[in-house]
PDB file of N, CA and C in Angstrom:
ATOM      1  N   MET A   1      20.157 -50.790 -83.131  1.00  0.00           N
ATOM      2  CA  MET A   1      19.093 -51.477 -83.625  1.00  0.00           C
ATOM      3  C   MET A   1      19.817 -52.499 -84.356  1.00  0.00           C
ATOM      4  N   ILE A   2      19.090 -54.274 -84.638  1.00  0.00           N
ATOM      5  CA  ILE A   2      20.180 -55.243 -85.606  1.00  0.00           C
ATOM      6  C   ILE A   2      18.571 -55.877 -86.060  1.00  0.00           C
ATOM      7  N   SER A   3      18.619 -55.099 -87.336  1.00  0.00           N
ATOM      8  CA  SER A   3      17.845 -55.647 -88.464  1.00  0.00           C
ATOM      9  C   SER A   3      18.532 -57.102 -89.686  1.00  0.00           C
ATOM     10  N   LEU A   4      17.615 -57.677 -89.361  1.00  0.00           N
ATOM     11  CA  LEU A   4      17.578 -59.041 -89.706  1.00  0.00           C
ATOM     12  C   LEU A   4      16.312 -59.031 -91.042  1.00  0.00           C
ATOM     13  N   GLY A   5      16.706 -58.917 -92.645  1.00  0.00           N
ATOM     14  CA  GLY A   5      15.940 -58.832 -94.079  1.00  0.00           C
ATOM     15  C   GLY A   5      15.950 -59.956 -94.522  1.00  0.00           C
ATOM     16  N   ILE A   6      14.737 -60.961 -94.512  1.00  0.00           N
ATOM     17  CA  ILE A   6      15.161 -61.780 -95.470  1.00  0.00           C
ATOM     18  C   ILE A   6      14.001 -61.759 -96.978  1.00  0.00           C
ATOM     19  N   CYS A   7      14.504 -63.505 -98.066  1.00  0.00           N
ATOM     20  CA  CYS A   7      13.362 -63.490 -98.815  1.00  0.00           C
ATOM     21  C   CYS A   7      13.889 -64.393 -99.657  1.00  0.00           C
ATOM     22  N   GLY A   8      12.933 -65.211 -99.206  1.00  0.00           N
ATOM     23  CA  GLY A   8      13.392 -67.129 -99.538  1.00  0.00           C
ATOM     24  C   GLY A   8      12.699 -67.385-101.432  1.00  0.00           C
ATOM     25  N   GLY A   9      12.393 -66.376-101.695  1.00  0.00           N
ATOM     26  CA  GLY A   9      12.196 -66.910-103.598  1.00  0.00           C
ATOM     27  C   GLY A   9      13.000 -66.615-103.812  1.00  0.00           C
ATOM     28  N   HIS A  10      12.279 -66.762-105.280  1.00  0.00           N
ATOM     29  CA  HIS A  10      13.719 -67.142-106.045  1.00  0.00           C
ATOM     30  C   HIS A  10      15.205 -66.665-105.824  1.00  0.00           C
ATOM     31  N   ASP A  11      16.630 -67.129-106.176  1.00  0.00           N
ATOM     32  CA  ASP A  11      17.585 -66.509-105.317  1.00  0.00           C
ATOM     33  C   ASP A  11      17.490 -66.277-104.385  1.00  0.00           C
ATOM     34  N   ALA A  12      17.043 -66.536-102.988  1.00  0.00           N
ATOM     35  CA  ALA A  12      16.619 -66.526-101.759  1.00  0.00           C
ATOM     36  C   ALA A  12      18.290 -65.653-100.570  1.00  0.00           C
ATOM     37  N   ASN A  13      17.936 -64.739-100.129  1.00  0.00           N
ATOM     38  CA  ASN A  13      19.190 -63.981 -99.992  1.00  0.00           C
ATOM     39  C   ASN A  13      18.158 -63.524 -98.287  1.00  0.00           C
ATOM     40  N   TRP A  14      19.179 -62.745 -97.414  1.00  0.00           N
ATOM     41  CA  TRP A  14      18.923 -62.589 -95.885  1.00  0.00           C
ATOM     42  C   TRP A  14      20.424 -61.271 -96.374  1.00  0.00           C
ATOM     43  N   CYS A  15      20.133 -60.455 -94.872  1.00  0.00           N
ATOM     44  CA  CYS A  15      20.962 -59.386 -95.355  1.00  0.00           C
ATOM     45  C   CYS A  15      20.876 -58.757 -92.895  1.00  0.00           C
ATOM     46  N   VAL A  16      21.778 -58.428 -92.518  1.00  0.00           N
ATOM     47  CA  VAL A  16      21.954 -58.014 -91.410  1.00  0.00           C
ATOM     48  C   VAL A  16      21.972 -56.616 -91.500  1.00  0.00           C
ATOM     49  N   PHE A  17      21.907 -55.444 -90.469  1.00  0.00           N
ATOM     50  CA  PHE A  17      22.355 -54.447 -90.637  1.00  0.00           C
ATOM     51  C   PHE A  17      21.879 -54.653 -89.049  1.00  0.00           C
ATOM     52  N   LYS A  18      23.238 -53.132 -88.264  1.00  0.00           N
ATOM     53  CA  LYS A  18      23.312 -52.947 -87.062  1.00  0.00           C
ATOM     54  C   LYS A  18      23.297 -51.541 -87.273  1.00  0.00           C
ATOM     55  N   ASP A  19      22.022 -50.696 -86.659  1.00  0.00           N
ATOM     56  CA  ASP A  19      22.310 -49.042 -86.321  1.00  0.00           C
ATOM     57  C   ASP A  19      23.153 -48.471 -88.042  1.00  0.00           C
ATOM     58  N   GLY A  20      21.697 -49.715 -88.618  1.00  0.00           N
ATOM     59  CA  GLY A  20      21.613 -48.961 -89.728  1.00  0.00           C
ATOM     60  C   GLY A  20      22.742 -48.873 -91.142  1.00  0.00           C
ATOM     61  N   LYS A  21      24.212 -50.059 -90.774  1.00  0.00           N
ATOM     62  CA  LYS A  21      24.732 -50.066 -91.623  1.00  0.00           C
ATOM     63  C   LYS A  21      24.702 -51.795 -90.722  1.00  0.00           C
ATOM     64  N   LEU A  22      25.455 -51.986 -92.757  1.00  0.00           N
ATOM     65  CA  LEU A  22      25.234 -53.281 -93.042  1.00  0.00           C
ATOM     66  C   LEU A  22      26.749 -53.771 -93.067  1.00  0.00           C
ATOM     67  N   LEU A  23      25.728 -55.180 -92.228  1.00  0.00           N
ATOM     68  CA  LEU A  23      27.175 -56.256 -91.679  1.00  0.00           C
ATOM     69  C   LEU A  23      27.444 -56.487 -92.628  1.00  0.00           C
ATOM     70  N   GLY A  24      26.340 -57.368 -92.750  1.00  0.00           N
ATOM     71  CA  GLY A  24      26.838 -58.697 -94.655  1.00  0.00           C
ATOM     72  C   GLY A  24      25.299 -58.870 -95.155  1.00  0.00           C
ATOM     73  N   ALA A  25      25.637 -58.977 -96.350  1.00  0.00           N
ATOM     74  CA  ALA A  25      24.873 -59.369 -97.315  1.00  0.00           C
ATOM     75  C   ALA A  25      24.450 -60.947 -97.812  1.00  0.00           C
ATOM     76  N   PHE A  26      24.377 -61.884 -98.300  1.00  0.00           N
ATOM     77  CA  PHE A  26      24.170 -63.501 -98.442  1.00  0.00           C
ATOM     78  C   PHE A  26      23.623 -63.597 -99.211  1.00  0.00           C
ATOM     79  N   GLU A  27      23.832 -64.780-100.467  1.00  0.00           N
ATOM     80  CA  GLU A  27      23.250 -65.350-101.012  1.00  0.00           C
ATOM     81  C   GLU A  27      23.036 -66.967-100.747  1.00  0.00           C
ATOM     82  N   LYS A  28      22.365 -68.087-101.227  1.00  0.00           N
ATOM     83  CA  LYS A  28      21.887 -68.621-100.879  1.00  0.00           C
ATOM     84  C   LYS A  28      22.555 -69.838-101.401  1.00  0.00           C
ATOM     85  N   GLU A  29      22.391 -68.608-102.390  1.00  0.00           N
ATOM     86  CA  GLU A  29      23.205 -70.888-103.993  1.00  0.00           C
ATOM     87  C   GLU A  29      24.551 -69.992-103.547  1.00  0.00           C
ATOM     88  N   ARG A  30      25.756 -68.937-102.523  1.00  0.00           N
ATOM     89  CA  ARG A  30      26.696 -69.596-102.134  1.00  0.00           C
ATOM     90  C   ARG A  30      26.977 -70.110-101.190  1.00  0.00           C
ATOM     91  N   PHE A  31      25.631 -70.579-100.368  1.00  0.00           N
ATOM     92  CA  PHE A  31      26.285 -71.263 -98.940  1.00  0.00           C
ATOM     93  C   PHE A  31      25.799 -72.856 -99.959  1.00  0.00           C
ATOM     94  N   SER A  32      24.743 -72.643-100.417  1.00  0.00           N
ATOM     95  CA  SER A  32      24.450 -74.624-100.716  1.00  0.00           C
ATOM     96  C   SER A  32      25.357 -74.527-102.117  1.00  0.00           C
ATOM     97  N   ARG A  33      25.786 -73.642-102.978  1.00  0.00           N
ATOM     98  CA  ARG A  33      26.054 -74.204-104.504  1.00  0.00           C
ATOM     99  C   ARG A  33      24.913 -74.484-105.396  1.00  0.00           C
ATOM    100  N   ILE A  34      24.449 -74.297-105.100  1.00  0.00           N
ATOM    101  CA  ILE A  34      23.195 -74.690-105.764  1.00  0.00           C
ATOM    102  C   ILE A  34      22.655 -73.745-106.528  1.00  0.00           C
ATOM    103  N   ARG A  35      22.563 -73.875-108.007  1.00  0.00           N
ATOM    104  CA  ARG A  35      22.441 -71.673-108.818  1.00  0.00           C
ATOM    105  C   ARG A  35      21.018 -71.363-108.390  1.00  0.00           C
ATOM    106  N   HIS A  36      20.503 -70.570-108.225  1.00  0.00           N
ATOM    107  CA  HIS A  36      18.933 -69.630-107.732  1.00  0.00           C
ATOM    108  C   HIS A  36      18.732 -70.590-106.793  1.00  0.00           C
ATOM    109  N   ASP A  37      18.816 -71.007-105.919  1.00  0.00           N
ATOM    110  CA  ASP A  37      18.619 -71.995-104.763  1.00  0.00           C
ATOM    111  C   ASP A  37      17.519 -71.308-104.399  1.00  0.00           C
ATOM    112  N   SER A  38      16.733 -71.694-104.184  1.00  0.00           N
ATOM    113  CA  SER A  38      15.455 -71.038-103.710  1.00  0.00           C
ATOM    114  C   SER A  38      15.040 -71.678-102.243  1.00  0.00           C
ATOM    115  N   GLY A  39      14.275 -71.676-101.471  1.00  0.00           N
ATOM    116  CA  GLY A  39      13.832 -71.614-100.662  1.00  0.00           C
ATOM    117  C   GLY A  39      13.818 -70.975 -98.377  1.00  0.00           C
ATOM    118  N   ASN A  40      13.953 -71.700 -98.074  1.00  0.00           N
ATOM    119  CA  ASN A  40      13.949 -71.400 -96.244  1.00  0.00           C
ATOM    120  C   ASN A  40      15.875 -71.077 -95.832  1.00  0.00           C
ATOM    121  N   VAL A  41      16.218 -69.748 -95.652  1.00  0.00           N
ATOM    122  CA  VAL A  41      16.713 -69.907 -95.035  1.00  0.00           C
ATOM    123  C   VAL A  41      17.977 -69.570 -94.011  1.00  0.00           C
ATOM    124  N   MET A  42      17.039 -70.143 -93.323  1.00  0.00           N
ATOM    125  CA  MET A  42      16.984 -69.899 -91.313  1.00  0.00           C
ATOM    126  C   MET A  42      18.520 -70.851 -90.581  1.00  0.00           C
ATOM    127  N   ASP A  43      18.933 -72.542 -91.882  1.00  0.00           N
ATOM    128  CA  ASP A  43      19.862 -72.654 -90.615  1.00  0.00           C
ATOM    129  C   ASP A  43      20.986 -72.063 -91.398  1.00  0.00           C
ATOM    130  N   TYR A  44      21.493 -70.806 -92.458  1.00  0.00           N
ATOM    131  CA  TYR A  44      22.290 -70.480 -92.907  1.00  0.00           C
ATOM    132  C   TYR A  44      22.615 -69.425 -92.647  1.00  0.00           C
ATOM    133  N   VAL A  45      20.781 -68.675 -92.414  1.00  0.00           N
ATOM    134  CA  VAL A  45      20.728 -67.095 -91.392  1.00  0.00           C
ATOM    135  C   VAL A  45      21.444 -67.282 -89.810  1.00  0.00           C
ATOM    136  N   GLU A  46      21.293 -68.935 -89.480  1.00  0.00           N
ATOM    137  CA  GLU A  46      21.454 -68.786 -88.087  1.00  0.00           C
ATOM    138  C   GLU A  46      23.033 -68.980 -87.924  1.00  0.00           C
ATOM    139  N   LYS A  47      23.452 -69.263 -88.718  1.00  0.00           N
ATOM    140  CA  LYS A  47      25.107 -69.984 -88.699  1.00  0.00           C
ATOM    141  C   LYS A  47      25.910 -68.941 -88.982  1.00  0.00           C
ATOM    142  N   THR A  48      25.303 -67.683 -90.660  1.00  0.00           N
ATOM    143  CA  THR A  48      26.431 -66.297 -90.424  1.00  0.00           C
ATOM    144  C   THR A  48      25.808 -64.575 -89.616  1.00  0.00           C
ATOM    145  N   LEU A  49      24.969 -65.348 -88.581  1.00  0.00           N
ATOM    146  CA  LEU A  49      24.387 -64.301 -87.334  1.00  0.00           C
ATOM    147  C   LEU A  49      25.602 -64.656 -86.138  1.00  0.00           C
ATOM    148  N   ARG A  50      25.969 -66.243 -86.550  1.00  0.00           N
ATOM    149  CA  ARG A  50      27.209 -67.137 -85.072  1.00  0.00           C
ATOM    150  C   ARG A  50      28.675 -66.114 -85.698  1.00  0.00           C
ATOM    151  N   LYS A  51      28.676 -65.713 -86.959  1.00  0.00           N
ATOM    152  CA  LYS A  51      29.363 -65.858 -87.656  1.00  0.00           C
ATOM    153  C   LYS A  51      29.877 -64.386 -86.876  1.00  0.00           C
ATOM    154  N   LEU A  52      29.560 -63.562 -87.198  1.00  0.00           N
ATOM    155  CA  LEU A  52      28.708 -62.487 -87.148  1.00  0.00           C
ATOM    156  C   LEU A  52      28.722 -61.514 -85.129  1.00  0.00           C
ATOM    157  N   GLY A  53      28.699 -62.568 -84.350  1.00  0.00           N
ATOM    158  CA  GLY A  53      29.054 -62.462 -82.655  1.00  0.00           C
ATOM    159  C   GLY A  53      27.491 -61.748 -82.245  1.00  0.00           C
ATOM    160  N   ILE A  54      26.231 -62.773 -83.391  1.00  0.00           N
ATOM    161  CA  ILE A  54      25.228 -61.833 -83.376  1.00  0.00           C
ATOM    162  C   ILE A  54      24.552 -63.117 -82.901  1.00  0.00           C
ATOM    163  N   SER A  55      23.570 -62.942 -81.341  1.00  0.00           N
ATOM    164  CA  SER A  55      22.695 -63.988 -81.295  1.00  0.00           C
ATOM    165  C   SER A  55      21.253 -63.289 -81.729  1.00  0.00           C
ATOM    166  N   PRO A  56      20.306 -64.950 -81.621  1.00  0.00           N
ATOM    167  CA  PRO A  56      18.952 -64.457 -82.507  1.00  0.00           C
ATOM    168  C   PRO A  56      18.662 -63.257 -81.184  1.00  0.00           C
ATOM    169  N   ASN A  57      18.491 -64.146 -80.018  1.00  0.00           N
ATOM    170  CA  ASN A  57      17.442 -63.043 -79.802  1.00  0.00           C
ATOM    171  C   ASN A  57      17.764 -61.095 -79.435  1.00  0.00           C
ATOM    172  N   GLU A  58      19.095 -61.201 -80.316  1.00  0.00           N
ATOM    173  CA  GLU A  58      19.383 -59.386 -80.090  1.00  0.00           C
ATOM    174  C   GLU A  58      18.533 -58.786 -81.387  1.00  0.00           C
ATOM    175  N   ILE A  59      18.233 -59.877 -81.876  1.00  0.00           N
ATOM    176  CA  ILE A  59      17.990 -58.867 -83.110  1.00  0.00           C
ATOM    177  C   ILE A  59      16.313 -58.582 -82.847  1.00  0.00           C
ATOM    178  N   ASP A  60      15.779 -56.934 -82.917  1.00  0.00           N
ATOM    179  CA  ASP A  60      15.172 -56.624 -83.206  1.00  0.00           C
ATOM    180  C   ASP A  60      13.821 -56.289 -84.141  1.00  0.00           C
ATOM    181  N   VAL A  61      14.350 -56.680 -84.458  1.00  0.00           N
ATOM    182  CA  VAL A  61      12.971 -56.211 -86.314  1.00  0.00           C
ATOM    183  C   VAL A  61      13.601 -57.910 -87.685  1.00  0.00           C
ATOM    184  N   ILE A  62      13.002 -58.192 -88.236  1.00  0.00           N
ATOM    185  CA  ILE A  62      13.058 -58.831 -89.099  1.00  0.00           C
ATOM    186  C   ILE A  62      11.809 -58.270 -90.433  1.00  0.00           C
ATOM    187  N   MET A  63      12.592 -58.515 -91.676  1.00  0.00           N
ATOM    188  CA  MET A  63      12.222 -57.974 -92.314  1.00  0.00           C
ATOM    189  C   MET A  63      11.368 -58.884 -93.042  1.00  0.00           C
ATOM    190  N   THR A  64      10.575 -59.431 -94.443  1.00  0.00           N
ATOM    191  CA  THR A  64      10.775 -60.274 -94.934  1.00  0.00           C
ATOM    192  C   THR A  64       9.418 -59.580 -96.422  1.00  0.00           C
ATOM    193  N   THR A  65      10.134 -60.712 -97.245  1.00  0.00           N
ATOM    194  CA  THR A  65       9.208 -60.750 -97.945  1.00  0.00           C
ATOM    195  C   THR A  65       7.820 -61.948 -98.192  1.00  0.00           C
ATOM    196  N   GLU A  66       8.132 -62.422 -97.105  1.00  0.00           N
ATOM    197  CA  GLU A  66       7.862 -63.752 -97.306  1.00  0.00           C
ATOM    198  C   GLU A  66       6.237 -63.832 -95.816  1.00  0.00           C
ATOM    199  N   ALA A  67       5.352 -63.819 -96.956  1.00  0.00           N
ATOM    200  CA  ALA A  67       4.104 -63.834 -96.316  1.00  0.00           C
ATOM    201  C   ALA A  67       3.209 -63.913 -94.672  1.00  0.00           C
ATOM    202  N   ASN A  68       4.140 -65.800 -94.660  1.00  0.00           N
ATOM    203  CA  ASN A  68       4.166 -67.129 -94.695  1.00  0.00           C
ATOM    204  C   ASN A  68       5.420 -67.369 -94.320  1.00  0.00           C
ATOM    205  N   PHE A  69       6.096 -66.915 -94.366  1.00  0.00           N
ATOM    206  CA  PHE A  69       7.385 -67.168 -92.030  1.00  0.00           C
ATOM    207  C   PHE A  69       7.276 -66.832 -91.564  1.00  0.00           C
ATOM    208  N   LYS A  70       7.556 -67.162 -90.453  1.00  0.00           N
ATOM    209  CA  LYS A  70       6.723 -68.030 -89.152  1.00  0.00           C
ATOM    210  C   LYS A  70       8.035 -67.382 -88.844  1.00  0.00           C
ATOM    211  N   GLY A  71       7.515 -66.409 -87.267  1.00  0.00           N
ATOM    212  CA  GLY A  71       8.386 -66.600 -86.242  1.00  0.00           C
ATOM    213  C   GLY A  71       7.972 -65.841 -84.523  1.00  0.00           C
ATOM    214  N   ASN A  72       8.824 -65.479 -84.061  1.00  0.00           N
ATOM    215  CA  ASN A  72       7.668 -64.688 -83.578  1.00  0.00           C
ATOM    216  C   ASN A  72       7.201 -62.669 -83.910  1.00  0.00           C
ATOM    217  N   GLY A  73       6.172 -63.163 -83.821  1.00  0.00           N
ATOM    218  CA  GLY A  73       5.321 -61.660 -84.887  1.00  0.00           C
ATOM    219  C   GLY A  73       5.294 -60.649 -84.149  1.00  0.00           C
ATOM    220  N   SER A  74       5.291 -60.366 -83.155  1.00  0.00           N
ATOM    221  CA  SER A  74       6.007 -58.701 -82.870  1.00  0.00           C
ATOM    222  C   SER A  74       7.077 -58.199 -83.119  1.00  0.00           C
ATOM    223  N   ARG A  75       8.062 -59.283 -83.861  1.00  0.00           N
ATOM    224  CA  ARG A  75       9.630 -58.492 -84.852  1.00  0.00           C
ATOM    225  C   ARG A  75       9.426 -58.516 -85.919  1.00  0.00           C
ATOM    226  N   ILE A  76       8.314 -59.566 -86.621  1.00  0.00           N
ATOM    227  CA  ILE A  76       7.950 -59.236 -87.496  1.00  0.00           C
ATOM    228  C   ILE A  76       7.625 -58.495 -88.799  1.00  0.00           C
ATOM    229  N   ARG A  77       7.733 -58.278 -89.670  1.00  0.00           N
ATOM    230  CA  ARG A  77       7.229 -56.852 -90.504  1.00  0.00           C
ATOM    231  C   ARG A  77       7.682 -57.462 -91.702  1.00  0.00           C
ATOM    232  N   ILE A  78       5.879 -57.594 -92.998  1.00  0.00           N
ATOM    233  CA  ILE A  78       6.209 -57.999 -93.971  1.00  0.00           C
ATOM    234  C   ILE A  78       6.373 -56.747 -95.291  1.00  0.00           C
ATOM    235  N   CYS A  79       7.422 -56.835 -95.616  1.00  0.00           N
ATOM    236  CA  CYS A  79       7.972 -56.018 -96.902  1.00  0.00           C
ATOM    237  C   CYS A  79       6.525 -56.656 -98.639  1.00  0.00           C
TER     238      CYS A  79
END
């Protein structure tokens, strides 16, 4: 099972787990070089998934703190 966790608020970040093992945890500011960068991280998520060799279609569940997250509702869990 592949899980993607996303927090798009202050200090936006995301993480990827496969079968309960952390594959990577990332902060948007490390990519954008803007301190405390917030907001949409999806462009960065797609790039990091490619680096990890994971297709977006392989993701089983998306966990997010963002109530207004847009995506395939059957895989999304609002935390």
